[in-house]
Protein backbone atom coordinates (compact mmCIF):
# COMPACT_ATOMS: atom_id res chain seq x y z
CA TYR A 1 0.00 0.00 0.00
CA PHE A 2 2.97 2.32 0.51
CA THR A 3 6.15 2.81 -1.45
CA GLN A 4 9.35 3.76 0.30
CA ASN A 5 11.02 7.02 -0.68
CA SER A 6 14.62 6.97 0.53
CA LYS A 7 18.12 7.71 -0.64
CA ALA A 8 21.32 5.86 0.11
CA GLY A 9 22.59 6.88 3.53
CA ASP A 10 19.21 8.06 4.86
CA SER A 11 18.45 7.12 8.42
CA MET A 12 15.03 5.65 9.15
CA SER A 13 13.87 9.02 10.51
CA ASN A 14 14.64 10.68 7.18
CA GLN A 15 12.78 8.12 5.09
CA THR A 16 9.22 8.75 4.05
CA LEU A 17 6.45 6.51 2.87
CA GLU A 18 4.41 7.69 -0.04
CA PRO A 19 0.95 6.19 -0.41
CA THR A 20 0.12 4.33 -3.57
CA LYS A 21 -2.75 5.66 -5.68
CA HIS A 22 -5.24 3.26 -4.05
CA VAL A 23 -4.41 4.46 -0.53
CA ALA A 24 -4.10 8.10 -1.54
CA SER A 25 -7.59 8.07 -3.02
CA ALA A 26 -9.11 6.64 0.20
CA LEU A 27 -7.20 8.56 2.86
CA ALA A 28 -7.06 12.34 3.07
CA SER A 29 -3.85 12.66 5.08
CA ALA A 30 -0.99 10.88 6.80
CA ASP A 31 -2.80 11.46 10.11
CA ALA A 32 -5.76 9.45 8.83
CA ALA A 33 -3.39 6.62 7.88
CA TYR A 34 -1.78 6.60 11.34
CA VAL A 35 -5.15 6.60 13.13
CA LEU A 36 -6.43 3.79 10.91
CA ALA A 37 -3.24 1.79 11.47
CA PHE A 38 -3.68 2.14 15.23
CA ALA A 39 -7.34 1.10 14.90
CA VAL A 40 -6.27 -2.05 13.07
CA VAL A 41 -3.80 -2.87 15.85
CA MET A 42 -6.59 -2.40 18.41
CA LEU A 43 -8.91 -4.61 16.33
CA ASN A 44 -6.25 -7.32 16.22
CA THR A 45 -5.80 -7.08 19.99
CA ASP A 46 -9.56 -7.28 20.47
CA GLN A 47 -9.84 -10.37 18.29
CA HIS A 48 -6.92 -12.28 19.87
CA ASN A 49 -6.97 -11.29 23.55
CA HIS A 50 -8.69 -14.03 25.54
CA SER A 51 -9.73 -11.66 28.32
CA VAL A 52 -11.98 -9.62 26.00
CA LYS A 53 -15.56 -10.61 26.80
CA ARG A 54 -17.35 -8.96 23.84
CA ARG A 55 -15.59 -9.01 20.48
CA MET A 56 -15.75 -6.00 18.20
CA THR A 57 -18.08 -6.45 15.24
CA LEU A 58 -17.68 -4.89 11.81
CA GLN A 59 -20.33 -2.32 12.76
CA ASP A 60 -18.37 -1.49 15.95
CA PHE A 61 -15.15 -1.05 13.97
CA VAL A 62 -16.82 1.20 11.40
CA ARG A 63 -18.50 3.27 14.14
CA ASN A 64 -15.20 3.64 16.06
CA ASN A 65 -13.53 5.01 12.93
CA ARG A 66 -16.10 7.57 11.88
CA GLY A 67 -14.61 10.96 11.11
CA ILE A 68 -10.94 9.89 11.22
CA ASN A 69 -10.37 10.88 7.60
CA ASP A 70 -10.01 14.63 8.20
CA GLY A 71 -13.54 14.77 9.56
CA LYS A 72 -14.98 12.38 7.00
CA ASP A 73 -15.48 8.62 7.07
CA VAL A 74 -13.03 6.24 5.46
CA PRO A 75 -14.84 4.45 2.59
CA LEU A 76 -16.40 1.21 3.84
CA GLU A 77 -14.80 -0.73 0.96
CA PHE A 78 -11.39 0.38 2.24
CA LEU A 79 -12.06 -0.75 5.80
């Protein structure tokens, strides 16, 4: 989903990731990508942690991520 933009000798902090066309058309900003990435980590934790009593449904995940795309919703097809 991302292509790496780096030059020889760049440290990791100087490297950037540029979204591919598919990601760029769905996400409005890098902030939206970071929030969505964190949401996916939380979803994974929810699905695999045995102490979670009620698992997150698709509707829960969509509701939790409303407005993260610079105030708009991420397209459902992308989620």
